[in-house]
Amino acid sequence: MGEAQYAIEVNDLVKEFRVYHRSYASLKGHAVALARGLARRQEHSRYETRRALDHVTFRVARGEAVALIGRNGSGKSTLLSILSRVYLPTAGEARLHGRLVSLLELGAGFDPELTGMQNVFFNGILLGLTEDEVAARYDSILGFAELDVTTMDLPVRMYSSGMQLRLGFSVAVHLSADILLVDEGLAVGDEAFQEKCFAKMEEFKAQGKTIVMVTHELDHVERIAQRVLWLDRGRLRRDGDVTTVLAAYRQEMHRADGIGGSDVV
């Protein structure tokens, strides 16, 4: 398969974080140490390096829907953050071919002081759309998010978290992305709205777009994904079809937890 057929290429990816250890028992203690010129030297000398991703390599074909699973702390969200250019890798590389929309935290890209309408146009223009192209999608975005014109004229800081989440998802799936990265995005709203989200994801797939998703619900994986990547302590443990990898994962969770299985990812 040639490079042009891949939407995502991840090669030998490593991500490390420094975890600093500070001995100050209080803010006053930190201030005193800082005044003495000790704080910076101590902070830079007292840390440990933790590896969140450990030489991860995979490719995602254009039009594939892929799920990332694994226990909390396995590196799933770190990987999505690197693909979204939120983090830079420590080593290795991640290449994306196409226009990207990330749902790492729905509504995170909104300016709370701007109105809902202003945020829609701002996000669309950031993705490379013209004002006319965003305007052509505007009514569909509102309708999907179940927000009225009056609400869209209010600053986003006045929205409930649910309203922000619905608008964030709606903006993302209406702005002509080639690649959609979703971290817990399908947990948006009530059951009826979640069904709308599923239908939109299916439509996205039918259009030949690429999806990489993380979710705590394995039934969501079974419904959307064609392939599963199982991360374990930052390493890619298994990569394969949904049925095979989820069966192995559930068996592992059953052994580890001793409670008849787990859907925690």
Protein backbone atom coordinates (compact mmCIF):
# COMPACT_ATOMS: atom_id res chain seq x y z
CA MET A 1 0.00 0.00 0.00
CA GLY A 2 1.53 3.33 -1.04
CA GLU A 3 1.95 6.32 1.23
CA ALA A 4 -0.95 8.13 -0.50
CA GLN A 5 -3.30 5.44 0.76
CA TYR A 6 -2.48 6.13 4.41
CA ALA A 7 -4.23 8.79 6.45
CA ILE A 8 -1.96 8.32 9.48
CA GLU A 9 1.59 6.98 9.77
CA VAL A 10 3.15 6.53 13.21
CA ASN A 11 6.77 5.41 13.26
CA ASP A 12 8.70 4.36 16.38
CA LEU A 13 6.88 6.95 18.49
CA VAL A 14 8.19 7.72 21.98
CA LYS A 15 6.76 10.22 24.46
CA GLU A 16 8.35 10.90 27.84
CA PHE A 17 7.28 13.27 30.58
CA ARG A 18 9.32 14.69 33.42
CA VAL A 19 7.66 14.31 36.81
CA TYR A 20 9.16 16.79 39.27
CA HIS A 21 9.43 16.14 42.99
CA ARG A 22 9.19 19.19 45.21
CA SER A 23 9.84 19.09 48.91
CA TYR A 24 7.98 22.28 49.82
CA ALA A 25 5.28 21.67 52.41
CA SER A 26 3.53 24.95 51.65
CA LEU A 27 3.33 27.84 49.25
CA LYS A 28 5.22 29.90 51.84
CA GLY A 29 8.04 27.35 51.81
CA HIS A 30 8.26 27.54 48.03
CA ALA A 31 8.33 31.36 48.15
CA VAL A 32 11.13 31.36 50.71
CA ALA A 33 13.17 28.92 48.65
CA LEU A 34 12.57 30.94 45.51
CA ALA A 35 13.74 34.10 47.27
CA ARG A 36 16.94 32.31 48.22
CA GLY A 37 17.50 31.22 44.63
CA LEU A 38 17.13 27.54 45.49
CA ALA A 39 13.82 26.63 43.91
CA ARG A 40 14.83 26.49 40.28
CA ARG A 41 17.97 24.46 40.89
CA GLN A 42 16.10 22.04 43.11
CA GLU A 43 13.23 21.61 40.65
CA HIS A 44 15.60 20.83 37.81
CA SER A 45 17.56 18.31 39.83
CA ARG A 46 14.62 16.40 41.36
CA TYR A 47 12.54 14.67 38.74
CA GLU A 48 11.99 11.29 37.16
CA THR A 49 11.23 10.49 33.53
CA ARG A 50 8.10 8.52 32.76
CA ARG A 51 7.56 7.00 29.35
CA ALA A 52 3.94 7.28 28.20
CA LEU A 53 4.55 5.84 24.72
CA ASP A 54 7.28 3.31 24.04
CA HIS A 55 8.29 2.85 20.37
CA VAL A 56 4.77 2.66 18.93
CA THR A 57 4.44 2.00 15.20
CA PHE A 58 1.29 1.60 13.10
CA ARG A 59 -0.47 2.93 10.00
CA VAL A 60 -4.11 3.77 9.38
CA ALA A 61 -5.46 3.51 5.85
CA ARG A 62 -7.68 6.20 4.43
CA GLY A 63 -11.29 5.40 5.30
CA GLU A 64 -10.46 3.11 8.24
CA ALA A 65 -12.18 3.41 11.61
CA VAL A 66 -9.74 2.44 14.36
CA ALA A 67 -10.28 2.22 18.13
CA LEU A 68 -7.57 2.60 20.77
CA ILE A 69 -8.15 0.55 23.92
CA GLY A 70 -6.20 -0.17 27.08
CA ARG A 71 -6.31 0.50 30.79
CA ASN A 72 -6.16 4.04 32.13
CA GLY A 73 -2.59 5.26 31.84
CA SER A 74 -1.79 3.04 28.87
CA GLY A 75 -1.01 6.01 26.61
CA LYS A 76 -4.19 6.30 24.53
CA SER A 77 -4.93 9.97 25.16
CA THR A 78 -1.24 10.84 24.91
CA LEU A 79 -1.18 9.25 21.47
CA LEU A 80 -4.25 11.22 20.35
CA SER A 81 -2.66 14.40 21.71
CA ILE A 82 0.44 13.80 19.60
CA LEU A 83 -1.66 13.11 16.51
CA SER A 84 -3.53 16.37 17.26
CA ARG A 85 -0.24 18.30 17.63
CA VAL A 86 -1.03 19.12 21.25
CA TYR A 87 2.18 17.31 22.30
CA LEU A 88 5.41 16.88 20.40
CA PRO A 89 6.94 13.39 20.47
CA THR A 90 10.17 12.77 22.35
CA ALA A 91 11.32 10.57 19.47
CA GLY A 92 9.85 9.07 16.32
CA GLU A 93 7.23 10.72 14.15
CA ALA A 94 3.51 10.90 13.42
CA ARG A 95 2.39 11.94 9.95
CA LEU A 96 -1.17 12.83 9.01
CA HIS A 97 -2.35 13.24 5.44
CA GLY A 98 -5.51 15.34 5.27
CA ARG A 99 -7.52 17.90 7.19
CA LEU A 100 -7.80 16.98 10.87
CA VAL A 101 -10.50 17.63 13.46
CA SER A 102 -9.81 16.58 17.07
CA LEU A 103 -12.37 15.89 19.75
CA LEU A 104 -9.94 15.45 22.62
CA GLU A 105 -12.15 17.55 24.84
CA LEU A 106 -15.33 18.72 23.20
CA GLY A 107 -15.63 22.48 23.28
CA ALA A 108 -12.00 22.93 24.34
CA GLY A 109 -11.30 25.02 21.26
CA PHE A 110 -14.01 27.56 22.06
CA ASP A 111 -13.25 31.05 23.33
CA PRO A 112 -15.62 31.52 26.31
CA GLU A 113 -15.94 35.25 25.65
CA LEU A 114 -17.08 34.79 22.03
CA THR A 115 -20.64 33.87 21.14
CA GLY A 116 -21.52 30.41 19.92
CA MET A 117 -21.90 31.76 16.39
CA GLN A 118 -18.52 33.49 16.50
CA ASN A 119 -16.86 30.32 17.75
CA VAL A 120 -18.36 28.27 14.91
CA PHE A 121 -16.95 30.64 12.30
CA PHE A 122 -13.62 30.96 14.12
CA ASN A 123 -13.13 27.19 14.24
CA GLY A 124 -14.16 26.74 10.63
CA ILE A 125 -11.74 29.37 9.38
CA LEU A 126 -8.92 27.83 11.47
CA LEU A 127 -9.56 24.58 9.58
CA GLY A 128 -9.11 26.36 6.27
CA LEU A 129 -12.75 26.92 5.29
CA THR A 130 -13.93 30.22 3.90
CA GLU A 131 -16.58 32.28 5.68
CA ASP A 132 -19.08 31.32 2.97
CA GLU A 133 -18.31 27.62 3.43
CA VAL A 134 -18.93 27.86 7.18
CA ALA A 135 -22.11 29.86 6.58
CA ALA A 136 -23.41 27.12 4.27
CA ARG A 137 -23.07 24.61 7.13
CA TYR A 138 -24.25 26.88 9.93
CA ASP A 139 -27.92 25.86 10.03
CA SER A 140 -26.99 22.17 10.00
CA ILE A 141 -24.55 22.72 12.87
CA LEU A 142 -27.25 24.43 14.97
CA GLY A 143 -29.86 21.84 14.14
CA PHE A 144 -27.60 18.94 15.03
CA ALA A 145 -26.48 20.57 18.30
CA GLU A 146 -30.13 21.34 19.19
CA LEU A 147 -29.33 24.99 19.90
CA ASP A 148 -31.44 27.97 18.80
CA VAL A 149 -30.39 31.31 17.34
CA THR A 150 -30.88 33.14 20.64
CA THR A 151 -28.52 30.75 22.42
CA MET A 152 -25.93 31.08 19.67
CA ASP A 153 -25.86 34.85 20.27
CA LEU A 154 -24.76 34.31 23.89
CA PRO A 155 -21.12 34.01 25.03
CA VAL A 156 -20.05 30.37 25.34
CA ARG A 157 -19.18 30.94 29.01
CA MET A 158 -22.94 31.09 29.63
CA TYR A 159 -23.49 27.61 28.14
CA SER A 160 -23.91 24.52 30.24
CA SER A 161 -21.25 21.84 29.80
CA GLY A 162 -23.76 19.74 27.85
CA MET A 163 -24.48 22.59 25.44
CA GLN A 164 -20.77 23.12 24.85
CA LEU A 165 -20.25 19.41 24.25
CA ARG A 166 -23.11 19.18 21.75
CA LEU A 167 -21.91 22.24 19.86
CA GLY A 168 -18.31 20.98 19.87
CA PHE A 169 -19.28 17.63 18.37
CA SER A 170 -21.56 19.26 15.81
CA VAL A 171 -18.87 21.70 14.67
CA ALA A 172 -16.32 18.92 14.34
CA VAL A 173 -18.45 16.62 12.19
CA HIS A 174 -19.74 19.36 9.90
CA LEU A 175 -16.46 21.01 8.92
CA SER A 176 -15.27 18.73 6.11
CA ALA A 177 -12.47 16.94 7.96
CA ASP A 178 -10.62 14.02 6.39
CA ILE A 179 -9.51 12.61 9.75
CA LEU A 180 -11.56 12.62 12.96
CA LEU A 181 -9.87 11.96 16.32
CA VAL A 182 -12.32 11.26 19.14
CA ASP A 183 -11.47 10.88 22.83
CA GLU A 184 -14.65 9.97 24.74
CA GLY A 185 -16.64 12.06 22.27
CA LEU A 186 -19.50 9.57 21.96
CA ALA A 187 -20.50 10.10 25.59
CA VAL A 188 -22.12 13.39 24.58
CA GLY A 189 -25.61 14.22 25.81
CA ASP A 190 -28.56 11.94 26.44
CA GLU A 191 -29.27 8.63 24.74
CA ALA A 192 -31.15 10.23 21.84
CA PHE A 193 -28.29 12.62 21.11
CA GLN A 194 -25.76 9.81 21.35
CA GLU A 195 -27.71 7.97 18.66
CA LYS A 196 -27.41 11.06 16.46
CA CYS A 197 -23.66 11.02 17.09
CA PHE A 198 -23.43 7.37 16.07
CA ALA A 199 -25.40 8.04 12.90
CA LYS A 200 -23.07 10.94 12.05
CA MET A 201 -20.02 8.76 12.63
CA GLU A 202 -21.48 6.11 10.33
CA GLU A 203 -22.07 8.80 7.72
CA PHE A 204 -18.48 9.97 8.18
CA LYS A 205 -17.27 6.40 7.55
CA ALA A 206 -19.52 6.01 4.50
CA GLN A 207 -17.90 9.10 2.99
CA GLY A 208 -14.52 7.37 3.14
CA LYS A 209 -13.20 9.48 6.02
CA THR A 210 -10.78 8.20 8.68
CA ILE A 211 -11.67 7.81 12.38
CA VAL A 212 -9.42 7.13 15.38
CA MET A 213 -11.35 6.88 18.63
CA VAL A 214 -10.88 6.20 22.33
CA THR A 215 -13.90 5.22 24.41
CA HIS A 216 -14.64 3.53 27.72
CA GLU A 217 -17.54 1.67 26.09
CA LEU A 218 -16.47 -1.44 24.23
CA ASP A 219 -19.87 -1.70 22.57
CA HIS A 220 -19.07 1.66 20.93
CA VAL A 221 -15.86 0.07 19.61
CA GLU A 222 -17.85 -2.84 18.19
CA ARG A 223 -20.32 -0.48 16.59
CA ILE A 224 -17.91 1.97 14.95
CA ALA A 225 -14.45 0.45 14.57
CA GLN A 226 -13.10 -1.94 11.96
CA ARG A 227 -9.78 -2.43 13.73
CA VAL A 228 -8.45 -2.19 17.30
CA LEU A 229 -5.07 -1.12 18.67
CA TRP A 230 -4.51 -2.30 22.25
CA LEU A 231 -2.02 -0.21 24.21
CA ASP A 232 -0.48 -1.58 27.39
CA ARG A 233 1.90 0.59 29.47
CA GLY A 234 2.71 2.67 26.43
CA ARG A 235 3.46 -0.25 24.12
CA LEU A 236 1.32 -1.51 21.25
CA ARG A 237 0.34 -4.92 22.54
CA ARG A 238 -2.04 -6.05 19.79
CA ASP A 239 -3.27 -4.72 16.46
CA GLY A 240 -6.05 -6.53 14.64
CA ASP A 241 -9.71 -6.99 13.88
CA VAL A 242 -12.32 -5.94 16.45
CA THR A 243 -13.56 -9.40 17.42
CA THR A 244 -10.13 -10.94 17.97
CA VAL A 245 -8.53 -8.07 19.88
CA LEU A 246 -11.55 -7.34 22.09
CA ALA A 247 -11.84 -11.03 23.00
CA ALA A 248 -8.19 -11.08 24.10
CA TYR A 249 -8.57 -7.77 25.94
CA ARG A 250 -11.68 -8.91 27.83
CA GLN A 251 -9.94 -12.14 28.79
CA GLU A 252 -6.97 -10.17 30.11
CA MET A 253 -9.23 -7.83 32.10
CA HIS A 254 -11.04 -10.84 33.54
CA ARG A 255 -7.76 -12.35 34.75
CA ALA A 256 -6.45 -9.03 36.07
CA ASP A 257 -9.58 -7.93 37.90
CA GLY A 258 -11.04 -11.27 38.91
CA ILE A 259 -14.55 -9.79 38.66
CA GLY A 260 -15.86 -11.26 35.47
CA GLY A 261 -14.42 -8.77 32.99
CA SER A 262 -14.16 -5.06 32.56
CA ASP A 263 -14.95 -2.46 29.96
CA VAL A 264 -12.52 0.09 31.40
CA VAL A 265 -10.14 1.44 28.78
